[in-house]
Amino acid sequence: MVEIIRGALGTKEGGSLPQGLWQTEQIRTLERNWAAREGQPLYALMERAGAALRTYATLHWPDSRGWWIFVGPGNNGGDGYVLA
C-alpha cells in the first residue's frame, strides 16, 4: 500500500502531487452543476463513484476477497458507503 501511495505522489520522497487539489466548495459546485445538468440526484453521482472504484479495485487486485474501506466525513463517507 505504501508503494501505491508513493507512486501516486511522485518518485521523490515528499514529491509533489501530479495535479492540483480542488477546494471543498469547488467540488460541491461541480457536483451540483452535474446533478442539475443531468437531472439526477447527487446520490446517483455517489453510485457512479462507488461503481468506478469497485471496477478499478477488481481490475488491479482481482484475487482480493476482503477490503477495508476508510473514508472521511461528508460525501467521501457516502462514496465509501456505496462502495462497501
PDB file of N, CA and C in Angstrom:
ATOM      1  N   MET A   1       0.832  -1.192   0.000  1.00  0.00           N
ATOM      2  CA  MET A   1       0.000   0.000   0.000  1.00  0.00           C
ATOM      3  C   MET A   1       0.874   1.252   0.000  1.00  0.00           C
ATOM      4  N   VAL A   2       1.958   1.217   0.761  1.00  0.00           N
ATOM      5  CA  VAL A   2       2.851   2.383   0.823  1.00  0.00           C
ATOM      6  C   VAL A   2       3.405   2.692  -0.559  1.00  0.00           C
ATOM      7  N   GLU A   3       3.748   1.657  -1.314  1.00  0.00           N
ATOM      8  CA  GLU A   3       4.281   1.879  -2.659  1.00  0.00           C
ATOM      9  C   GLU A   3       3.234   2.498  -3.584  1.00  0.00           C
ATOM     10  N   ILE A   4       1.988   2.109  -3.423  1.00  0.00           N
ATOM     11  CA  ILE A   4       0.914   2.691  -4.236  1.00  0.00           C
ATOM     12  C   ILE A   4       0.792   4.180  -3.943  1.00  0.00           C
ATOM     13  N   ILE A   5       0.835   4.539  -2.672  1.00  0.00           N
ATOM     14  CA  ILE A   5       0.732   5.947  -2.291  1.00  0.00           C
ATOM     15  C   ILE A   5       1.936   6.719  -2.800  1.00  0.00           C
ATOM     16  N   ARG A   6       3.135   6.155  -2.625  1.00  0.00           N
ATOM     17  CA  ARG A   6       4.335   6.827  -3.147  1.00  0.00           C
ATOM     18  C   ARG A   6       4.242   7.017  -4.651  1.00  0.00           C
ATOM     19  N   GLY A   7       3.742   6.006  -5.348  1.00  0.00           N
ATOM     20  CA  GLY A   7       3.603   6.112  -6.796  1.00  0.00           C
ATOM     21  C   GLY A   7       2.650   7.219  -7.201  1.00  0.00           C
ATOM     22  N   ALA A   8       1.613   7.421  -6.413  1.00  0.00           N
ATOM     23  CA  ALA A   8       0.650   8.478  -6.722  1.00  0.00           C
ATOM     24  C   ALA A   8       1.222   9.858  -6.432  1.00  0.00           C
ATOM     25  N   LEU A   9       2.121   9.953  -5.461  1.00  0.00           N
ATOM     26  CA  LEU A   9       2.669  11.249  -5.073  1.00  0.00           C
ATOM     27  C   LEU A   9       3.904  11.643  -5.872  1.00  0.00           C
ATOM     28  N   GLY A  10       4.549  10.719  -6.494  1.00  0.00           N
ATOM     29  CA  GLY A  10       5.766  11.024  -7.246  1.00  0.00           C
ATOM     30  C   GLY A  10       6.893  10.117  -6.793  1.00  0.00           C
ATOM     31  N   THR A  11       7.986  10.140  -7.514  1.00  0.00           N
ATOM     32  CA  THR A  11       9.075   9.219  -7.219  1.00  0.00           C
ATOM     33  C   THR A  11       9.975   9.716  -6.105  1.00  0.00           C
ATOM     34  N   LYS A  12      10.082  11.006  -5.906  1.00  0.00           N
ATOM     35  CA  LYS A  12      10.948  11.529  -4.858  1.00  0.00           C
ATOM     36  C   LYS A  12      10.203  11.564  -3.533  1.00  0.00           C
ATOM     37  N   GLU A  13      10.957  11.360  -2.454  1.00  0.00           N
ATOM     38  CA  GLU A  13      10.374  11.478  -1.123  1.00  0.00           C
ATOM     39  C   GLU A  13       9.822  12.892  -0.973  1.00  0.00           C
ATOM     40  N   GLY A  14       8.565  13.013  -0.599  1.00  0.00           N
ATOM     41  CA  GLY A  14       7.958  14.334  -0.450  1.00  0.00           C
ATOM     42  C   GLY A  14       7.678  15.013  -1.774  1.00  0.00           C
ATOM     43  N   GLY A  15       7.567  14.229  -2.849  1.00  0.00           N
ATOM     44  CA  GLY A  15       7.308  14.789  -4.174  1.00  0.00           C
ATOM     45  C   GLY A  15       5.967  15.487  -4.234  1.00  0.00           C
ATOM     46  N   SER A  16       5.769  16.247  -5.274  1.00  0.00           N
ATOM     47  CA  SER A  16       4.515  16.991  -5.405  1.00  0.00           C
ATOM     48  C   SER A  16       3.429  16.104  -5.999  1.00  0.00           C
ATOM     49  N   LEU A  17       2.211  16.516  -5.776  1.00  0.00           N
ATOM     50  CA  LEU A  17       1.071  15.794  -6.333  1.00  0.00           C
ATOM     51  C   LEU A  17       1.078  15.939  -7.850  1.00  0.00           C
ATOM     52  N   PRO A  18       0.546  14.933  -8.576  1.00  0.00           N
ATOM     53  CA  PRO A  18       0.537  15.003 -10.031  1.00  0.00           C
ATOM     54  C   PRO A  18      -0.406  16.074 -10.584  1.00  0.00           C
ATOM     55  N   GLN A  19      -1.333  16.540  -9.782  1.00  0.00           N
ATOM     56  CA  GLN A  19      -2.236  17.601 -10.204  1.00  0.00           C
ATOM     57  C   GLN A  19      -2.657  18.401  -8.983  1.00  0.00           C
ATOM     58  N   GLY A  20      -3.175  19.591  -9.230  1.00  0.00           N
ATOM     59  CA  GLY A  20      -3.603  20.436  -8.135  1.00  0.00           C
ATOM     60  C   GLY A  20      -4.844  19.894  -7.437  1.00  0.00           C
ATOM     61  N   LEU A  21      -5.015  20.252  -6.185  1.00  0.00           N
ATOM     62  CA  LEU A  21      -6.194  19.849  -5.424  1.00  0.00           C
ATOM     63  C   LEU A  21      -7.280  20.900  -5.545  1.00  0.00           C
ATOM     64  N   TRP A  22      -8.527  20.473  -5.484  1.00  0.00           N
ATOM     65  CA  TRP A  22      -9.647  21.396  -5.534  1.00  0.00           C
ATOM     66  C   TRP A  22     -10.152  21.626  -4.124  1.00  0.00           C
ATOM     67  N   GLN A  23     -10.663  22.806  -3.906  1.00  0.00           N
ATOM     68  CA  GLN A  23     -11.255  23.147  -2.619  1.00  0.00           C
ATOM     69  C   GLN A  23     -12.623  22.464  -2.491  1.00  0.00           C
ATOM     70  N   THR A  24     -13.046  22.247  -1.258  1.00  0.00           N
ATOM     71  CA  THR A  24     -14.314  21.565  -0.987  1.00  0.00           C
ATOM     72  C   THR A  24     -15.480  22.242  -1.703  1.00  0.00           C
ATOM     73  N   GLU A  25     -15.563  23.549  -1.621  1.00  0.00           N
ATOM     74  CA  GLU A  25     -16.689  24.255  -2.248  1.00  0.00           C
ATOM     75  C   GLU A  25     -16.654  24.127  -3.766  1.00  0.00           C
ATOM     76  N   GLN A  26     -15.464  24.040  -4.349  1.00  0.00           N
ATOM     77  CA  GLN A  26     -15.363  23.830  -5.798  1.00  0.00           C
ATOM     78  C   GLN A  26     -15.958  22.476  -6.193  1.00  0.00           C
ATOM     79  N   ILE A  27     -15.657  21.459  -5.413  1.00  0.00           N
ATOM     80  CA  ILE A  27     -16.196  20.117  -5.689  1.00  0.00           C
ATOM     81  C   ILE A  27     -17.706  20.116  -5.531  1.00  0.00           C
ATOM     82  N   ARG A  28     -18.198  20.755  -4.469  1.00  0.00           N
ATOM     83  CA  ARG A  28     -19.651  20.806  -4.248  1.00  0.00           C
ATOM     84  C   ARG A  28     -20.353  21.508  -5.402  1.00  0.00           C
ATOM     85  N   THR A  29     -19.755  22.586  -5.892  1.00  0.00           N
ATOM     86  CA  THR A  29     -20.335  23.310  -7.024  1.00  0.00           C
ATOM     87  C   THR A  29     -20.356  22.433  -8.266  1.00  0.00           C
ATOM     88  N   LEU A  30     -19.250  21.735  -8.539  1.00  0.00           N
ATOM     89  CA  LEU A  30     -19.204  20.830  -9.689  1.00  0.00           C
ATOM     90  C   LEU A  30     -20.262  19.741  -9.580  1.00  0.00           C
ATOM     91  N   GLU A  31     -20.426  19.187  -8.380  1.00  0.00           N
ATOM     92  CA  GLU A  31     -21.428  18.134  -8.186  1.00  0.00           C
ATOM     93  C   GLU A  31     -22.847  18.661  -8.381  1.00  0.00           C
ATOM     94  N   ARG A  32     -23.127  19.827  -7.824  1.00  0.00           N
ATOM     95  CA  ARG A  32     -24.470  20.418  -8.004  1.00  0.00           C
ATOM     96  C   ARG A  32     -24.734  20.709  -9.475  1.00  0.00           C
ATOM     97  N   ASN A  33     -23.733  21.236 -10.178  1.00  0.00           N
ATOM     98  CA  ASN A  33     -23.898  21.540 -11.603  1.00  0.00           C
ATOM     99  C   ASN A  33     -24.142  20.261 -12.403  1.00  0.00           C
ATOM    100  N   TRP A  34     -23.418  19.194 -12.065  1.00  0.00           N
ATOM    101  CA  TRP A  34     -23.621  17.919 -12.752  1.00  0.00           C
ATOM    102  C   TRP A  34     -25.044  17.424 -12.539  1.00  0.00           C
ATOM    103  N   ALA A  35     -25.494  17.459 -11.274  1.00  0.00           N
ATOM    104  CA  ALA A  35     -26.837  16.980 -10.953  1.00  0.00           C
ATOM    105  C   ALA A  35     -27.902  17.775 -11.702  1.00  0.00           C
ATOM    106  N   ALA A  36     -27.731  19.092 -11.755  1.00  0.00           N
ATOM    107  CA  ALA A  36     -28.701  19.937 -12.466  1.00  0.00           C
ATOM    108  C   ALA A  36     -28.680  19.646 -13.966  1.00  0.00           C
ATOM    109  N   ARG A  37     -27.489  19.519 -14.530  1.00  0.00           N
ATOM    110  CA  ARG A  37     -27.361  19.281 -15.973  1.00  0.00           C
ATOM    111  C   ARG A  37     -27.933  17.923 -16.365  1.00  0.00           C
ATOM    112  N   GLU A  38     -27.684  16.896 -15.554  1.00  0.00           N
ATOM    113  CA  GLU A  38     -28.117  15.543 -15.872  1.00  0.00           C
ATOM    114  C   GLU A  38     -29.525  15.232 -15.388  1.00  0.00           C
ATOM    115  N   GLY A  39     -30.102  16.107 -14.550  1.00  0.00           N
ATOM    116  CA  GLY A  39     -31.419  15.839 -13.995  1.00  0.00           C
ATOM    117  C   GLY A  39     -31.406  14.631 -13.071  1.00  0.00           C
ATOM    118  N   GLN A  40     -30.300  14.436 -12.359  1.00  0.00           N
ATOM    119  CA  GLN A  40     -30.111  13.287 -11.488  1.00  0.00           C
ATOM    120  C   GLN A  40     -29.915  13.763 -10.051  1.00  0.00           C
ATOM    121  N   PRO A  41     -30.263  12.931  -9.076  1.00  0.00           N
ATOM    122  CA  PRO A  41     -29.947  13.271  -7.684  1.00  0.00           C
ATOM    123  C   PRO A  41     -28.452  13.072  -7.442  1.00  0.00           C
ATOM    124  N   LEU A  42     -27.915  13.760  -6.439  1.00  0.00           N
ATOM    125  CA  LEU A  42     -26.498  13.610  -6.119  1.00  0.00           C
ATOM    126  C   LEU A  42     -26.149  12.172  -5.728  1.00  0.00           C
ATOM    127  N   TYR A  43     -27.120  11.440  -5.202  1.00  0.00           N
ATOM    128  CA  TYR A  43     -26.852  10.043  -4.854  1.00  0.00           C
ATOM    129  C   TYR A  43     -26.434   9.244  -6.093  1.00  0.00           C
ATOM    130  N   ALA A  44     -26.963   9.584  -7.257  1.00  0.00           N
ATOM    131  CA  ALA A  44     -26.577   8.890  -8.492  1.00  0.00           C
ATOM    132  C   ALA A  44     -25.092   9.085  -8.767  1.00  0.00           C
ATOM    133  N   LEU A  45     -24.562  10.262  -8.448  1.00  0.00           N
ATOM    134  CA  LEU A  45     -23.146  10.515  -8.629  1.00  0.00           C
ATOM    135  C   LEU A  45     -22.324   9.660  -7.663  1.00  0.00           C
ATOM    136  N   MET A  46     -22.813   9.509  -6.426  1.00  0.00           N
ATOM    137  CA  MET A  46     -22.131   8.633  -5.464  1.00  0.00           C
ATOM    138  C   MET A  46     -22.151   7.189  -5.952  1.00  0.00           C
ATOM    139  N   GLU A  47     -23.273   6.760  -6.527  1.00  0.00           N
ATOM    140  CA  GLU A  47     -23.344   5.393  -7.047  1.00  0.00           C
ATOM    141  C   GLU A  47     -22.334   5.186  -8.170  1.00  0.00           C
ATOM    142  N   ARG A  48     -22.192   6.182  -9.025  1.00  0.00           N
ATOM    143  CA  ARG A  48     -21.211   6.086 -10.111  1.00  0.00           C
ATOM    144  C   ARG A  48     -19.791   6.041  -9.563  1.00  0.00           C
ATOM    145  N   ALA A  49     -19.521   6.840  -8.539  1.00  0.00           N
ATOM    146  CA  ALA A  49     -18.186   6.843  -7.928  1.00  0.00           C
ATOM    147  C   ALA A  49     -17.891   5.482  -7.296  1.00  0.00           C
ATOM    148  N   GLY A  50     -18.849   4.929  -6.577  1.00  0.00           N
ATOM    149  CA  GLY A  50     -18.658   3.621  -5.959  1.00  0.00           C
ATOM    150  C   GLY A  50     -18.437   2.531  -6.992  1.00  0.00           C
ATOM    151  N   ALA A  51     -19.195   2.568  -8.066  1.00  0.00           N
ATOM    152  CA  ALA A  51     -19.040   1.571  -9.132  1.00  0.00           C
ATOM    153  C   ALA A  51     -17.673   1.702  -9.805  1.00  0.00           C
ATOM    154  N   ALA A  52     -17.225   2.929 -10.021  1.00  0.00           N
ATOM    155  CA  ALA A  52     -15.922   3.142 -10.645  1.00  0.00           C
ATOM    156  C   ALA A  52     -14.795   2.640  -9.739  1.00  0.00           C
ATOM    157  N   LEU A  53     -14.919   2.891  -8.438  1.00  0.00           N
ATOM    158  CA  LEU A  53     -13.906   2.402  -7.505  1.00  0.00           C
ATOM    159  C   LEU A  53     -13.875   0.877  -7.468  1.00  0.00           C
ATOM    160  N   ARG A  54     -15.041   0.266  -7.475  1.00  0.00           N
ATOM    161  CA  ARG A  54     -15.094  -1.205  -7.469  1.00  0.00           C
ATOM    162  C   ARG A  54     -14.463  -1.766  -8.735  1.00  0.00           C
ATOM    163  N   THR A  55     -14.769  -1.181  -9.878  1.00  0.00           N
ATOM    164  CA  THR A  55     -14.186  -1.632 -11.141  1.00  0.00           C
ATOM    165  C   THR A  55     -12.668  -1.507 -11.102  1.00  0.00           C
ATOM    166  N   TYR A  56     -12.172  -0.375 -10.638  1.00  0.00           N
ATOM    167  CA  TYR A  56     -10.731  -0.152 -10.538  1.00  0.00           C
ATOM    168  C   TYR A  56     -10.085  -1.194  -9.637  1.00  0.00           C
ATOM    169  N   ALA A  57     -10.673  -1.399  -8.466  1.00  0.00           N
ATOM    170  CA  ALA A  57     -10.094  -2.323  -7.495  1.00  0.00           C
ATOM    171  C   ALA A  57     -10.091  -3.759  -8.013  1.00  0.00           C
ATOM    172  N   THR A  58     -11.176  -4.193  -8.616  1.00  0.00           N
ATOM    173  CA  THR A  58     -11.229  -5.579  -9.080  1.00  0.00           C
ATOM    174  C   THR A  58     -10.323  -5.809 -10.292  1.00  0.00           C
ATOM    175  N   LEU A  59     -10.074  -4.770 -11.078  1.00  0.00           N
ATOM    176  CA  LEU A  59      -9.142  -4.909 -12.194  1.00  0.00           C
ATOM    177  C   LEU A  59      -7.695  -4.974 -11.713  1.00  0.00           C
ATOM    178  N   HIS A  60      -7.371  -4.194 -10.693  1.00  0.00           N
ATOM    179  CA  HIS A  60      -5.993  -4.124 -10.215  1.00  0.00           C
ATOM    180  C   HIS A  60      -5.655  -5.185  -9.171  1.00  0.00           C
ATOM    181  N   TRP A  61      -6.619  -5.665  -8.434  1.00  0.00           N
ATOM    182  CA  TRP A  61      -6.398  -6.668  -7.396  1.00  0.00           C
ATOM    183  C   TRP A  61      -7.474  -7.750  -7.494  1.00  0.00           C
ATOM    184  N   PRO A  62      -7.482  -8.511  -8.592  1.00  0.00           N
ATOM    185  CA  PRO A  62      -8.579  -9.461  -8.839  1.00  0.00           C
ATOM    186  C   PRO A  62      -8.655 -10.610  -7.836  1.00  0.00           C
ATOM    187  N   ASP A  63      -7.573 -10.924  -7.156  1.00  0.00           N
ATOM    188  CA  ASP A  63      -7.593 -12.048  -6.221  1.00  0.00           C
ATOM    189  C   ASP A  63      -7.985 -11.650  -4.809  1.00  0.00           C
ATOM    190  N   SER A  64      -8.192 -10.370  -4.566  1.00  0.00           N
ATOM    191  CA  SER A  64      -8.577  -9.912  -3.224  1.00  0.00           C
ATOM    192  C   SER A  64     -10.001 -10.365  -2.903  1.00  0.00           C
ATOM    193  N   ARG A  65     -10.193 -10.789  -1.672  1.00  0.00           N
ATOM    194  CA  ARG A  65     -11.508 -11.272  -1.259  1.00  0.00           C
ATOM    195  C   ARG A  65     -12.119 -10.443  -0.146  1.00  0.00           C
ATOM    196  N   GLY A  66     -11.359  -9.565   0.445  1.00  0.00           N
ATOM    197  CA  GLY A  66     -11.872  -8.712   1.515  1.00  0.00           C
ATOM    198  C   GLY A  66     -11.232  -7.340   1.428  1.00  0.00           C
ATOM    199  N   TRP A  67     -11.983  -6.342   1.804  1.00  0.00           N
ATOM    200  CA  TRP A  67     -11.498  -4.967   1.683  1.00  0.00           C
ATOM    201  C   TRP A  67     -11.808  -4.191   2.957  1.00  0.00           C
ATOM    202  N   TRP A  68     -10.886  -3.342   3.351  1.00  0.00           N
ATOM    203  CA  TRP A  68     -11.122  -2.350   4.397  1.00  0.00           C
ATOM    204  C   TRP A  68     -11.361  -1.040   3.666  1.00  0.00           C
ATOM    205  N   ILE A  69     -12.398  -0.340   4.013  1.00  0.00           N
ATOM    206  CA  ILE A  69     -12.729   0.921   3.347  1.00  0.00           C
ATOM    207  C   ILE A  69     -12.659   2.033   4.391  1.00  0.00           C
ATOM    208  N   PHE A  70     -11.704   2.926   4.212  1.00  0.00           N
ATOM    209  CA  PHE A  70     -11.513   4.051   5.131  1.00  0.00           C
ATOM    210  C   PHE A  70     -11.941   5.326   4.425  1.00  0.00           C
ATOM    211  N   VAL A  71     -12.798   6.092   5.059  1.00  0.00           N
ATOM    212  CA  VAL A  71     -13.286   7.335   4.460  1.00  0.00           C
ATOM    213  C   VAL A  71     -13.341   8.430   5.510  1.00  0.00           C
ATOM    214  N   GLY A  72     -13.467   9.631   5.026  1.00  0.00           N
ATOM    215  CA  GLY A  72     -13.650  10.770   5.909  1.00  0.00           C
ATOM    216  C   GLY A  72     -15.128  11.106   6.014  1.00  0.00           C
ATOM    217  N   PRO A  73     -15.438  12.226   6.631  1.00  0.00           N
ATOM    218  CA  PRO A  73     -16.837  12.630   6.776  1.00  0.00           C
ATOM    219  C   PRO A  73     -17.393  13.207   5.468  1.00  0.00           C
ATOM    220  N   GLY A  74     -18.664  13.400   5.442  1.00  0.00           N
ATOM    221  CA  GLY A  74     -19.301  14.058   4.302  1.00  0.00           C
ATOM    222  C   GLY A  74     -19.462  13.139   3.110  1.00  0.00           C
ATOM    223  N   ASN A  75     -19.372  13.709   1.921  1.00  0.00           N
ATOM    224  CA  ASN A  75     -19.587  12.949   0.691  1.00  0.00           C
ATOM    225  C   ASN A  75     -18.581  11.834   0.514  1.00  0.00           C
ATOM    226  N   ASN A  76     -17.364  12.017   1.015  1.00  0.00           N
ATOM    227  CA  ASN A  76     -16.368  10.957   0.936  1.00  0.00           C
ATOM    228  C   ASN A  76     -16.880   9.717   1.656  1.00  0.00           C
ATOM    229  N   GLY A  77     -17.527   9.907   2.782  1.00  0.00           N
ATOM    230  CA  GLY A  77     -18.126   8.795   3.510  1.00  0.00           C
ATOM    231  C   GLY A  77     -19.241   8.147   2.719  1.00  0.00           C
ATOM    232  N   GLY A  78     -20.008   8.936   1.997  1.00  0.00           N
ATOM    233  CA  GLY A  78     -21.073   8.400   1.154  1.00  0.00           C
ATOM    234  C   GLY A  78     -20.532   7.553   0.031  1.00  0.00           C
ATOM    235  N   ASP A  79     -19.437   7.991  -0.601  1.00  0.00           N
ATOM    236  CA  ASP A  79     -18.815   7.200  -1.664  1.00  0.00           C
ATOM    237  C   ASP A  79     -18.344   5.862  -1.113  1.00  0.00           C
ATOM    238  N   GLY A  80     -17.733   5.885   0.073  1.00  0.00           N
ATOM    239  CA  GLY A  80     -17.283   4.651   0.697  1.00  0.00           C
ATOM    240  C   GLY A  80     -18.430   3.729   1.062  1.00  0.00           C
ATOM    241  N   TYR A  81     -19.525   4.302   1.520  1.00  0.00           N
ATOM    242  CA  TYR A  81     -20.728   3.520   1.850  1.00  0.00           C
ATOM    243  C   TYR A  81     -21.230   2.791   0.607  1.00  0.00           C
ATOM    244  N   VAL A  82     -21.310   3.510  -0.488  1.00  0.00           N
ATOM    245  CA  VAL A  82     -21.787   2.894  -1.739  1.00  0.00           C
ATOM    246  C   VAL A  82     -20.807   1.815  -2.198  1.00  0.00           C
ATOM    247  N   LEU A  83     -19.526   2.087  -2.078  1.00  0.00           N
ATOM    248  CA  LEU A  83     -18.529   1.098  -2.465  1.00  0.00           C
ATOM    249  C   LEU A  83     -18.671  -0.170  -1.642  1.00  0.00           C
ATOM    250  N   ALA A  84     -18.848  -0.008  -0.342  1.00  0.00           N
ATOM    251  CA  ALA A  84     -18.985  -1.177   0.538  1.00  0.00           C
ATOM    252  C   ALA A  84     -20.237  -1.967   0.178  1.00  0.00           C
TER     253      ALA A  84
END
